[in-house]
Amino acid sequence: MTQANVTSLAEAPAVSMAYTYQVFGQVVGASMQNAVSNQQSASTIDLAVTTQGTSVLYSLSSATASKATSEILAGNPVAESLTAMQAAANAF
């Protein structure tokens, strides 16, 4: 009985560290999966926002679009790029 207790006491630190490393590995793996999932969701949302914004720009008349863009979105580099793309598309 004494030898059994000595063995279990001697192995306890190693076993507890093994459990700790196993849990740590599972936590890191789950956090990586969550990060990838969040990136995919953000990409989907970004695509939907870009599509909706482009649709709104194309549905406006050119006079309304230029007035709204110059008054509301002046100084915004993304808005200016979208306005330039719309002007190029309207030229055709």
N, C-alpha and C. Protein backbone atom coordinates (compact mmCIF):
# COMPACT_ATOMS: atom_id res chain seq x y z
N MET A 1 0.82 -1.19 0.00
CA MET A 1 0.00 0.00 0.00
C MET A 1 0.87 1.26 0.00
N THR A 2 1.95 1.18 0.72
CA THR A 2 2.83 2.34 0.79
C THR A 2 3.44 2.65 -0.57
N GLN A 3 3.85 1.61 -1.29
CA GLN A 3 4.43 1.82 -2.62
C GLN A 3 3.41 2.40 -3.59
N ALA A 4 2.16 2.00 -3.48
CA ALA A 4 1.12 2.54 -4.36
C ALA A 4 0.92 4.03 -4.11
N ASN A 5 0.94 4.42 -2.85
CA ASN A 5 0.79 5.85 -2.53
C ASN A 5 1.98 6.65 -3.01
N VAL A 6 3.17 6.11 -2.89
CA VAL A 6 4.37 6.80 -3.35
C VAL A 6 4.32 6.99 -4.86
N THR A 7 3.89 5.96 -5.56
CA THR A 7 3.80 6.05 -7.03
C THR A 7 2.79 7.11 -7.45
N SER A 8 1.62 7.11 -6.85
CA SER A 8 0.61 8.09 -7.23
C SER A 8 1.05 9.51 -6.87
N LEU A 9 1.73 9.67 -5.74
CA LEU A 9 2.23 10.99 -5.37
C LEU A 9 3.36 11.45 -6.30
N ALA A 10 4.18 10.54 -6.74
CA ALA A 10 5.29 10.89 -7.61
C ALA A 10 4.81 11.25 -9.02
N GLU A 11 3.75 10.61 -9.46
CA GLU A 11 3.25 10.86 -10.81
C GLU A 11 2.29 12.05 -10.89
N ALA A 12 1.80 12.51 -9.77
CA ALA A 12 0.79 13.58 -9.76
C ALA A 12 1.23 14.85 -10.49
N PRO A 13 2.43 15.38 -10.26
CA PRO A 13 2.82 16.60 -10.98
C PRO A 13 2.89 16.40 -12.49
N ALA A 14 3.41 15.26 -12.92
CA ALA A 14 3.52 15.02 -14.36
C ALA A 14 2.14 14.87 -15.00
N VAL A 15 1.25 14.18 -14.33
CA VAL A 15 -0.10 13.98 -14.87
C VAL A 15 -0.84 15.30 -14.91
N SER A 16 -0.73 16.09 -13.87
CA SER A 16 -1.43 17.38 -13.86
C SER A 16 -0.89 18.31 -14.95
N MET A 17 0.41 18.30 -15.18
CA MET A 17 0.97 19.12 -16.26
C MET A 17 0.52 18.61 -17.63
N ALA A 18 0.41 17.29 -17.77
CA ALA A 18 -0.08 16.73 -19.04
C ALA A 18 -1.51 17.18 -19.30
N TYR A 19 -2.34 17.15 -18.27
CA TYR A 19 -3.72 17.63 -18.42
C TYR A 19 -3.75 19.11 -18.76
N THR A 20 -2.88 19.87 -18.11
CA THR A 20 -2.83 21.31 -18.37
C THR A 20 -2.45 21.59 -19.81
N TYR A 21 -1.43 20.90 -20.32
CA TYR A 21 -1.01 21.10 -21.71
C TYR A 21 -2.09 20.66 -22.69
N GLN A 22 -2.79 19.61 -22.36
CA GLN A 22 -3.87 19.13 -23.24
C GLN A 22 -4.99 20.16 -23.32
N VAL A 23 -5.39 20.70 -22.19
CA VAL A 23 -6.44 21.72 -22.16
C VAL A 23 -5.98 22.97 -22.88
N PHE A 24 -4.73 23.36 -22.67
CA PHE A 24 -4.19 24.53 -23.34
C PHE A 24 -4.22 24.36 -24.86
N GLY A 25 -3.84 23.18 -25.33
CA GLY A 25 -3.89 22.91 -26.77
C GLY A 25 -5.30 22.97 -27.32
N GLN A 26 -6.26 22.46 -26.57
CA GLN A 26 -7.65 22.52 -27.03
C GLN A 26 -8.17 23.95 -27.06
N VAL A 27 -7.79 24.74 -26.08
CA VAL A 27 -8.23 26.14 -26.02
C VAL A 27 -7.64 26.93 -27.18
N VAL A 28 -6.36 26.73 -27.46
CA VAL A 28 -5.73 27.44 -28.57
C VAL A 28 -6.37 27.03 -29.90
N GLY A 29 -6.65 25.75 -30.07
CA GLY A 29 -7.30 25.29 -31.29
C GLY A 29 -8.67 25.88 -31.45
N ALA A 30 -9.45 25.94 -30.38
CA ALA A 30 -10.79 26.53 -30.45
C ALA A 30 -10.73 28.02 -30.75
N SER A 31 -9.76 28.72 -30.18
CA SER A 31 -9.65 30.15 -30.45
C SER A 31 -9.24 30.42 -31.89
N MET A 32 -8.40 29.56 -32.45
CA MET A 32 -8.04 29.70 -33.87
C MET A 32 -9.25 29.46 -34.76
N GLN A 33 -10.05 28.46 -34.42
CA GLN A 33 -11.26 28.20 -35.20
C GLN A 33 -12.22 29.38 -35.12
N ASN A 34 -12.34 29.98 -33.94
CA ASN A 34 -13.20 31.15 -33.79
C ASN A 34 -12.68 32.33 -34.59
N ALA A 35 -11.37 32.51 -34.63
CA ALA A 35 -10.79 33.62 -35.39
C ALA A 35 -11.08 33.46 -36.89
N VAL A 36 -10.92 32.24 -37.39
CA VAL A 36 -11.19 31.99 -38.81
C VAL A 36 -12.67 32.21 -39.11
N SER A 37 -13.53 31.74 -38.24
CA SER A 37 -14.96 31.91 -38.43
C SER A 37 -15.35 33.39 -38.43
N ASN A 38 -14.76 34.16 -37.52
CA ASN A 38 -15.04 35.60 -37.48
C ASN A 38 -14.54 36.31 -38.73
N GLN A 39 -13.39 35.90 -39.25
CA GLN A 39 -12.88 36.51 -40.48
C GLN A 39 -13.79 36.20 -41.66
N GLN A 40 -14.28 34.97 -41.73
CA GLN A 40 -15.19 34.61 -42.82
C GLN A 40 -16.50 35.38 -42.72
N SER A 41 -17.01 35.54 -41.51
CA SER A 41 -18.25 36.31 -41.33
C SER A 41 -18.04 37.77 -41.69
N ALA A 42 -16.92 38.33 -41.29
CA ALA A 42 -16.63 39.72 -41.63
C ALA A 42 -16.49 39.90 -43.13
N SER A 43 -15.89 38.94 -43.79
CA SER A 43 -15.75 39.03 -45.24
C SER A 43 -17.11 39.00 -45.92
N THR A 44 -18.00 38.16 -45.44
CA THR A 44 -19.35 38.08 -46.00
C THR A 44 -20.10 39.39 -45.79
N ILE A 45 -19.98 39.96 -44.60
CA ILE A 45 -20.66 41.22 -44.31
C ILE A 45 -20.07 42.35 -45.16
N ASP A 46 -18.75 42.39 -45.29
CA ASP A 46 -18.11 43.42 -46.12
C ASP A 46 -18.58 43.34 -47.56
N LEU A 47 -18.69 42.13 -48.08
CA LEU A 47 -19.16 41.96 -49.45
C LEU A 47 -20.59 42.44 -49.60
N ALA A 48 -21.44 42.14 -48.63
CA ALA A 48 -22.84 42.58 -48.69
C ALA A 48 -22.94 44.10 -48.62
N VAL A 49 -22.13 44.73 -47.77
CA VAL A 49 -22.16 46.19 -47.65
C VAL A 49 -21.67 46.83 -48.95
N THR A 50 -20.61 46.29 -49.52
CA THR A 50 -20.08 46.84 -50.77
C THR A 50 -21.10 46.69 -51.91
N THR A 51 -21.74 45.54 -51.97
CA THR A 51 -22.74 45.30 -53.01
C THR A 51 -23.92 46.26 -52.85
N GLN A 52 -24.38 46.43 -51.62
CA GLN A 52 -25.51 47.33 -51.38
C GLN A 52 -25.13 48.78 -51.70
N GLY A 53 -23.93 49.19 -51.29
CA GLY A 53 -23.49 50.55 -51.59
C GLY A 53 -23.37 50.81 -53.08
N THR A 54 -22.83 49.85 -53.80
CA THR A 54 -22.72 49.99 -55.25
C THR A 54 -24.10 50.03 -55.90
N SER A 55 -25.01 49.21 -55.40
CA SER A 55 -26.37 49.21 -55.93
C SER A 55 -27.04 50.56 -55.71
N VAL A 56 -26.84 51.14 -54.54
CA VAL A 56 -27.42 52.45 -54.26
C VAL A 56 -26.82 53.51 -55.17
N LEU A 57 -25.52 53.44 -55.38
CA LEU A 57 -24.88 54.42 -56.26
C LEU A 57 -25.41 54.32 -57.69
N TYR A 58 -25.62 53.10 -58.18
CA TYR A 58 -26.11 52.94 -59.54
C TYR A 58 -27.58 53.30 -59.67
N SER A 59 -28.34 53.22 -58.59
CA SER A 59 -29.77 53.53 -58.68
C SER A 59 -30.05 55.03 -58.63
N LEU A 60 -29.09 55.82 -58.16
CA LEU A 60 -29.29 57.26 -58.12
C LEU A 60 -29.07 57.88 -59.49
N SER A 61 -29.75 58.98 -59.74
CA SER A 61 -29.45 59.70 -60.97
C SER A 61 -28.08 60.35 -60.84
N SER A 62 -27.49 60.70 -61.94
CA SER A 62 -26.12 61.23 -61.87
C SER A 62 -26.07 62.58 -61.18
N ALA A 63 -27.08 63.42 -61.35
CA ALA A 63 -27.09 64.72 -60.67
C ALA A 63 -27.23 64.55 -59.16
N THR A 64 -28.11 63.68 -58.76
CA THR A 64 -28.30 63.43 -57.33
C THR A 64 -27.06 62.81 -56.72
N ALA A 65 -26.46 61.90 -57.43
CA ALA A 65 -25.27 61.23 -56.91
C ALA A 65 -24.12 62.21 -56.74
N SER A 66 -23.91 63.08 -57.71
CA SER A 66 -22.79 64.00 -57.59
C SER A 66 -23.03 65.03 -56.49
N LYS A 67 -24.26 65.50 -56.35
CA LYS A 67 -24.54 66.47 -55.28
C LYS A 67 -24.40 65.82 -53.91
N ALA A 68 -24.97 64.65 -53.74
CA ALA A 68 -24.89 63.97 -52.44
C ALA A 68 -23.46 63.62 -52.10
N THR A 69 -22.72 63.16 -53.08
CA THR A 69 -21.33 62.78 -52.83
C THR A 69 -20.49 63.98 -52.45
N SER A 70 -20.67 65.08 -53.14
CA SER A 70 -19.86 66.26 -52.85
C SER A 70 -20.22 66.88 -51.50
N GLU A 71 -21.50 66.86 -51.12
CA GLU A 71 -21.91 67.48 -49.86
C GLU A 71 -21.68 66.58 -48.65
N ILE A 72 -22.01 65.32 -48.76
CA ILE A 72 -21.99 64.43 -47.61
C ILE A 72 -20.65 63.73 -47.44
N LEU A 73 -20.10 63.24 -48.53
CA LEU A 73 -18.95 62.36 -48.43
C LEU A 73 -17.63 63.01 -48.83
N ALA A 74 -17.57 64.30 -48.88
CA ALA A 74 -16.34 64.98 -49.27
C ALA A 74 -15.24 64.71 -48.25
N GLY A 75 -14.07 64.38 -48.74
CA GLY A 75 -12.94 64.13 -47.88
C GLY A 75 -12.77 62.67 -47.48
N ASN A 76 -13.74 61.84 -47.80
CA ASN A 76 -13.65 60.41 -47.48
C ASN A 76 -13.02 59.70 -48.66
N PRO A 77 -11.83 59.11 -48.51
CA PRO A 77 -11.14 58.51 -49.66
C PRO A 77 -11.91 57.34 -50.27
N VAL A 78 -12.61 56.56 -49.45
CA VAL A 78 -13.37 55.44 -50.00
C VAL A 78 -14.53 55.96 -50.83
N ALA A 79 -15.23 56.97 -50.31
CA ALA A 79 -16.36 57.54 -51.04
C ALA A 79 -15.89 58.20 -52.33
N GLU A 80 -14.75 58.86 -52.29
CA GLU A 80 -14.24 59.49 -53.50
C GLU A 80 -13.86 58.45 -54.55
N SER A 81 -13.33 57.32 -54.11
CA SER A 81 -13.01 56.24 -55.05
C SER A 81 -14.27 55.67 -55.67
N LEU A 82 -15.31 55.46 -54.85
CA LEU A 82 -16.58 54.96 -55.38
C LEU A 82 -17.20 55.96 -56.35
N THR A 83 -17.09 57.24 -56.05
CA THR A 83 -17.62 58.27 -56.95
C THR A 83 -16.87 58.26 -58.27
N ALA A 84 -15.57 58.09 -58.21
CA ALA A 84 -14.77 58.03 -59.44
C ALA A 84 -15.14 56.82 -60.27
N MET A 85 -15.38 55.68 -59.59
CA MET A 85 -15.80 54.47 -60.33
C MET A 85 -17.17 54.66 -60.95
N GLN A 86 -18.07 55.33 -60.23
CA GLN A 86 -19.40 55.56 -60.78
C GLN A 86 -19.33 56.52 -61.97
N ALA A 87 -18.50 57.52 -61.88
CA ALA A 87 -18.35 58.46 -63.00
C ALA A 87 -17.79 57.75 -64.22
N ALA A 88 -16.84 56.86 -63.99
CA ALA A 88 -16.27 56.10 -65.11
C ALA A 88 -17.32 55.18 -65.71
N ALA A 89 -18.14 54.55 -64.87
CA ALA A 89 -19.16 53.64 -65.37
C ALA A 89 -20.26 54.41 -66.11
N ASN A 90 -20.59 55.61 -65.63
CA ASN A 90 -21.62 56.42 -66.29
C ASN A 90 -21.12 56.99 -67.62
N ALA A 91 -19.81 57.07 -67.79
CA ALA A 91 -19.27 57.59 -69.04
C ALA A 91 -19.51 56.65 -70.20
N PHE A 92 -19.71 55.35 -69.90
CA PHE A 92 -19.93 54.39 -70.99
C PHE A 92 -21.33 54.32 -71.37
